[in-house]
């Protein structure tokens, strides 16, 4: 079970994507499986009278009240976490996915089991994953304590895998994500990029994995997101690995700077991807 956490500044574009057809028409029957309040959260997927704009407004209510006081919306208020299972895992029901969503928002601090929480929804538009979208603003206008939210989401997914007997596909001692170097951070600042290339690529790797059902679809999603993909082959011409580059990130020679996929995220090497997406016996992330 792999969680992928990101943030943004407006809930409406995210909801439009979650309830839309998808990049390759892969979204099927998008609908809510859980929310901060199922009676207060309109579901554009199942309720003919609901709209994405209305759902976005309900989610953003506490942020708008805070903005009325401060004169501006709280920055990076949109919290997004996609969660997917391995293809060979049993299909989870909507109720089971709702349980997963509630545990993750509690574990990350978005909506703790005790005390006030933020508004959030969990949308399912495919059989093997959900998306949690929330606004990280509490009813009193303050921001929740969500430090290390990605790590906490990972830990909660590991616990769910163990309890439910699911395949452990997340990060562990043998599956690590690398961090940008000081030189990469400085380069990003000089180029005016919000993120160093290493982080930019890691996010797109995880985003591509959420929707993919095969290595071919995974690579297609990367390329559709602008990522440059270069293959490594053996003497027989068989693909044994791949490297990724960000458009515009070049070295002194003017050529793109490629990062080996395994150096970006050891859970997403070609053998591990093949095992995860195609259900083979390739080495697994633990």
Protein backbone atom coordinates (compact mmCIF):
# COMPACT_ATOMS: atom_id res chain seq x y z
CA UNK A 1 0.00 0.00 0.00
CA UNK A 2 1.68 3.19 -1.22
CA UNK A 3 0.68 6.68 0.00
CA UNK A 4 1.84 9.76 -1.90
CA UNK A 5 1.45 13.14 -0.18
CA UNK A 6 1.50 16.54 -1.87
CA UNK A 7 0.09 20.04 -1.26
CA UNK A 8 -1.52 22.75 -3.37
CA UNK A 9 -3.32 26.08 -3.26
CA UNK A 10 -6.79 25.38 -4.65
CA UNK A 11 -9.12 22.40 -4.14
CA UNK A 12 -11.19 22.87 -7.27
CA UNK A 13 -8.59 21.76 -9.89
CA UNK A 14 -7.78 18.70 -7.81
CA UNK A 15 -11.45 17.75 -7.43
CA UNK A 16 -12.02 18.33 -11.14
CA UNK A 17 -9.27 15.82 -11.87
CA UNK A 18 -10.54 13.28 -9.32
CA UNK A 19 -14.07 13.40 -10.72
CA UNK A 20 -12.96 13.73 -14.34
CA UNK A 21 -12.21 11.01 -16.90
CA UNK A 22 -8.48 10.88 -16.17
CA UNK A 23 -5.52 11.51 -18.45
CA UNK A 24 -6.22 8.35 -20.46
CA UNK A 25 -9.94 7.90 -19.74
CA UNK A 26 -9.01 5.49 -16.94
CA UNK A 27 -11.29 6.88 -14.22
CA UNK A 28 -14.41 4.81 -13.62
CA UNK A 29 -17.37 5.70 -11.39
CA UNK A 30 -15.71 8.45 -9.30
CA UNK A 31 -17.48 8.78 -5.94
CA UNK A 32 -16.94 9.57 -2.28
CA UNK A 33 -16.12 6.73 0.07
CA UNK A 34 -15.51 8.88 3.17
CA UNK A 35 -15.48 12.50 4.32
CA UNK A 36 -15.22 14.68 7.41
CA UNK A 37 -19.03 14.63 7.34
CA UNK A 38 -20.83 12.39 4.84
CA UNK A 39 -24.02 14.42 5.22
CA UNK A 40 -22.22 17.72 4.73
CA UNK A 41 -20.04 16.66 1.79
CA UNK A 42 -21.85 16.71 -1.58
CA UNK A 43 -20.77 13.92 -3.95
CA UNK A 44 -20.67 15.07 -7.61
CA UNK A 45 -20.14 11.47 -8.66
CA UNK A 46 -23.32 10.01 -7.25
CA UNK A 47 -25.58 12.99 -6.43
CA UNK A 48 -27.09 14.64 -9.54
CA UNK A 49 -27.60 17.86 -7.60
CA UNK A 50 -24.00 18.12 -6.38
CA UNK A 51 -21.24 20.01 -8.17
CA UNK A 52 -17.48 20.18 -7.87
CA UNK A 53 -17.73 23.88 -7.08
CA UNK A 54 -20.11 23.22 -4.21
CA UNK A 55 -17.87 20.49 -2.77
CA UNK A 56 -14.80 22.72 -3.07
CA UNK A 57 -16.63 25.54 -1.28
CA UNK A 58 -17.67 23.24 1.58
CA UNK A 59 -14.11 21.98 1.98
CA UNK A 60 -12.75 25.53 1.91
CA UNK A 61 -15.18 27.03 4.42
CA UNK A 62 -12.72 27.38 7.33
CA UNK A 63 -10.01 28.72 5.00
CA UNK A 64 -12.38 31.39 3.64
CA UNK A 65 -13.24 32.51 7.16
CA UNK A 66 -9.55 32.77 7.96
CA UNK A 67 -8.91 34.69 4.74
CA UNK A 68 -11.59 37.19 5.68
CA UNK A 69 -9.53 38.00 8.78
CA UNK A 70 -6.05 37.94 7.19
CA UNK A 71 -6.89 39.21 3.71
CA UNK A 72 -5.43 36.16 1.94
CA UNK A 73 -5.97 32.43 1.79
CA UNK A 74 -3.61 30.31 3.92
CA UNK A 75 -0.73 29.08 1.69
CA UNK A 76 -0.47 25.44 0.58
CA UNK A 77 -3.76 24.65 2.29
CA UNK A 78 -4.76 21.77 0.00
CA UNK A 79 -3.50 18.42 1.31
CA UNK A 80 -3.61 15.51 -1.13
CA UNK A 81 -2.74 11.88 -0.49
CA UNK A 82 -3.24 9.09 -3.01
CA UNK A 83 -3.17 5.52 -1.65
CA UNK A 84 -2.95 2.38 -3.78
CA UNK A 85 -2.70 -1.35 -3.19
CA UNK A 86 -0.74 -3.97 -5.15
CA UNK A 87 -2.52 -5.60 -8.12
CA UNK A 88 -2.51 -9.06 -6.49
CA UNK A 89 -4.14 -7.78 -3.30
CA UNK A 90 -7.85 -8.48 -2.86
CA UNK A 91 -10.03 -5.60 -4.02
CA UNK A 92 -11.01 -3.46 -1.07
CA UNK A 93 -14.63 -2.43 -0.62
CA UNK A 94 -15.71 1.19 -0.31
CA UNK A 95 -16.12 0.64 3.44
CA UNK A 96 -12.58 -0.70 3.71
CA UNK A 97 -11.19 2.23 1.76
CA UNK A 98 -13.16 4.56 4.03
CA UNK A 99 -11.44 2.90 6.99
CA UNK A 100 -8.05 3.42 5.34
CA UNK A 101 -8.81 7.09 4.69
CA UNK A 102 -9.93 7.74 8.27
CA UNK A 103 -6.80 6.11 9.65
CA UNK A 104 -4.49 8.13 7.41
CA UNK A 105 -6.08 11.52 8.14
CA UNK A 106 -5.90 10.68 11.85
CA UNK A 107 -2.31 9.47 11.71
CA UNK A 108 -1.06 12.49 9.74
CA UNK A 109 -2.79 15.02 11.99
CA UNK A 110 -5.23 16.31 9.36
CA UNK A 111 -8.19 15.00 11.36
CA UNK A 112 -7.03 13.49 14.68
CA UNK A 113 -9.23 10.93 16.42
CA UNK A 114 -9.49 13.32 19.37
CA UNK A 115 -10.06 17.06 19.14
CA UNK A 116 -10.91 19.33 16.18
CA UNK A 117 -9.99 18.27 12.68
CA UNK A 118 -9.84 19.65 9.16
CA UNK A 119 -12.32 19.03 6.38
CA UNK A 120 -11.45 16.25 3.94
CA UNK A 121 -12.93 13.79 1.46
CA UNK A 122 -11.78 10.47 0.03
CA UNK A 123 -12.62 9.85 -3.65
CA UNK A 124 -12.45 6.49 -5.39
CA UNK A 125 -12.28 6.41 -9.18
CA UNK A 126 -10.47 3.09 -9.69
CA UNK A 127 -10.57 -0.34 -8.08
CA UNK A 128 -7.09 -0.23 -6.59
CA UNK A 129 -6.68 3.24 -5.13
CA UNK A 130 -8.27 6.30 -3.53
CA UNK A 131 -7.40 9.99 -3.26
CA UNK A 132 -7.75 11.93 -0.02
CA UNK A 133 -8.22 15.67 -0.49
CA UNK A 134 -8.34 17.97 2.50
CA UNK A 135 -7.90 21.57 3.58
CA UNK A 136 -5.30 21.97 6.32
CA UNK A 137 -7.14 24.68 8.21
CA UNK A 138 -8.89 23.96 11.52
CA UNK A 139 -12.30 25.40 12.48
CA UNK A 140 -10.65 28.19 14.50
CA UNK A 141 -8.48 29.18 11.53
CA UNK A 142 -5.24 27.71 12.86
CA UNK A 143 -3.14 25.16 11.00
CA UNK A 144 -2.91 21.54 12.21
CA UNK A 145 0.33 19.97 13.43
CA UNK A 146 1.26 17.84 10.43
CA UNK A 147 5.05 17.63 10.59
CA UNK A 148 6.44 14.50 8.90
CA UNK A 149 3.01 13.74 7.45
CA UNK A 150 4.45 11.59 4.63
CA UNK A 151 6.37 9.45 7.10
CA UNK A 152 3.32 9.07 9.32
CA UNK A 153 1.17 8.09 6.33
CA UNK A 154 3.76 5.48 5.35
CA UNK A 155 3.81 4.07 8.88
CA UNK A 156 0.02 3.80 8.99
CA UNK A 157 -0.02 1.99 5.64
CA UNK A 158 2.57 -0.48 6.95
CA UNK A 159 0.31 -1.17 9.93
CA UNK A 160 -2.75 -1.71 7.70
CA UNK A 161 -0.79 -4.07 5.44
CA UNK A 162 0.20 -6.17 8.44
CA UNK A 163 -3.28 -6.23 9.94
CA UNK A 164 -5.07 -7.05 6.66
CA UNK A 165 -2.47 -9.37 5.16
CA UNK A 166 -1.75 -7.10 2.18
CA UNK A 167 1.45 -7.14 0.20
CA UNK A 168 4.02 -4.74 1.71
CA UNK A 169 4.85 -2.42 -1.18
CA UNK A 170 5.85 0.76 0.63
CA UNK A 171 9.17 2.05 1.78
CA UNK A 172 11.13 0.32 4.48
CA UNK A 173 14.72 -0.42 5.42
CA UNK A 174 15.48 -1.84 1.96
CA UNK A 175 13.43 0.75 0.04
CA UNK A 176 14.62 4.33 0.39
CA UNK A 177 14.01 7.72 -1.19
CA UNK A 178 17.06 9.92 -1.75
CA UNK A 179 17.21 13.60 -0.86
CA UNK A 180 18.53 16.50 -2.97
CA UNK A 181 22.10 17.64 -2.49
CA UNK A 182 23.04 21.19 -1.59
CA UNK A 183 24.19 21.74 -5.18
CA UNK A 184 20.82 20.55 -6.51
CA UNK A 185 18.97 22.89 -4.15
CA UNK A 186 21.12 25.85 -5.21
CA UNK A 187 20.62 24.96 -8.88
CA UNK A 188 16.83 24.91 -8.40
CA UNK A 189 16.95 28.34 -6.77
CA UNK A 190 19.06 29.73 -9.61
CA UNK A 191 16.65 28.31 -12.20
CA UNK A 192 13.60 29.63 -10.37
CA UNK A 193 12.20 26.12 -9.80
CA UNK A 194 9.94 25.42 -6.84
CA UNK A 195 11.67 22.05 -6.31
CA UNK A 196 15.04 20.48 -7.07
CA UNK A 197 14.93 18.08 -10.01
CA UNK A 198 15.33 15.04 -7.74
CA UNK A 199 12.17 15.92 -5.79
CA UNK A 200 10.31 16.91 -8.98
CA UNK A 201 11.08 13.51 -10.50
CA UNK A 202 10.22 11.56 -7.35
CA UNK A 203 6.78 13.16 -7.20
CA UNK A 204 6.08 12.33 -10.83
CA UNK A 205 7.21 8.74 -10.30
CA UNK A 206 4.67 8.34 -7.51
CA UNK A 207 1.93 10.15 -9.42
CA UNK A 208 2.47 7.89 -12.44
CA UNK A 209 2.36 4.80 -10.24
CA UNK A 210 -1.07 5.68 -8.84
CA UNK A 211 -2.85 5.37 -12.19
CA UNK A 212 -0.67 2.75 -13.90
CA UNK A 213 -1.67 -0.88 -14.34
CA UNK A 214 1.50 -1.95 -16.17
CA UNK A 215 5.08 -0.78 -16.63
CA UNK A 216 4.09 0.47 -20.10
CA UNK A 217 1.31 2.64 -18.65
CA UNK A 218 3.66 3.84 -15.90
CA UNK A 219 6.24 5.02 -18.45
CA UNK A 220 3.53 6.57 -20.62
CA UNK A 221 2.26 8.53 -17.62
CA UNK A 222 5.79 9.76 -16.85
CA UNK A 223 6.30 10.93 -20.41
CA UNK A 224 2.87 12.57 -20.49
CA UNK A 225 3.96 14.50 -17.39
CA UNK A 226 7.04 15.77 -19.19
CA UNK A 227 9.62 13.35 -17.78
CA UNK A 228 12.46 12.20 -20.07
CA UNK A 229 12.99 8.42 -19.88
CA UNK A 230 16.21 6.66 -20.90
CA UNK A 231 16.50 2.86 -20.89
CA UNK A 232 19.47 0.70 -19.92
CA UNK A 233 19.74 -2.61 -21.79
CA UNK A 234 21.85 -5.74 -21.53
CA UNK A 235 23.87 -7.34 -24.35
CA UNK A 236 20.73 -8.98 -25.73
CA UNK A 237 18.93 -5.63 -25.90
CA UNK A 238 16.59 -6.46 -22.99
CA UNK A 239 15.61 -3.52 -20.83
CA UNK A 240 17.12 -3.94 -17.36
CA UNK A 241 16.77 -0.45 -15.93
CA UNK A 242 15.89 3.15 -16.60
CA UNK A 243 16.89 6.69 -15.76
CA UNK A 244 14.82 9.86 -15.63
CA UNK A 245 15.51 13.52 -16.36
CA UNK A 246 13.69 16.80 -15.97
CA UNK A 247 13.31 18.91 -19.13
CA UNK A 248 15.58 21.95 -18.90
CA UNK A 249 17.89 20.41 -16.31
CA UNK A 250 21.19 20.11 -18.18
CA UNK A 251 24.83 19.66 -17.23
CA UNK A 252 27.87 21.60 -18.38
CA UNK A 253 27.78 19.68 -21.68
CA UNK A 254 24.25 20.87 -22.36
CA UNK A 255 22.87 17.34 -22.13
CA UNK A 256 19.98 16.39 -19.78
CA UNK A 257 20.95 15.32 -16.26
CA UNK A 258 19.60 11.79 -15.77
CA UNK A 259 18.96 10.14 -12.40
CA UNK A 260 18.84 6.35 -12.13
CA UNK A 261 15.34 5.38 -10.99
CA UNK A 262 16.77 3.27 -8.17
CA UNK A 263 18.74 6.23 -6.86
CA UNK A 264 15.58 8.34 -6.78
CA UNK A 265 13.43 5.70 -5.08
CA UNK A 266 14.67 2.15 -4.57
CA UNK A 267 11.05 0.92 -4.40
CA UNK A 268 10.59 1.96 -8.05
CA UNK A 269 13.43 0.25 -9.89
CA UNK A 270 12.43 -1.61 -13.05
CA UNK A 271 12.42 -5.08 -11.38
CA UNK A 272 10.34 -3.80 -8.46
CA UNK A 273 7.95 -1.99 -10.80
CA UNK A 274 7.55 -5.16 -12.84
CA UNK A 275 6.76 -7.12 -9.69
CA UNK A 276 4.37 -4.51 -8.36
CA UNK A 277 2.44 -3.76 -11.55
CA UNK A 278 2.63 -7.10 -13.34
CA UNK A 279 2.45 -9.36 -10.28
CA UNK A 280 5.73 -11.14 -11.05
CA UNK A 281 8.17 -12.60 -8.55
CA UNK A 282 10.59 -9.68 -8.83
CA UNK A 283 12.12 -8.37 -5.58
CA UNK A 284 9.64 -6.47 -3.46
CA UNK A 285 10.00 -3.26 -1.50
CA UNK A 286 9.71 -4.12 2.17
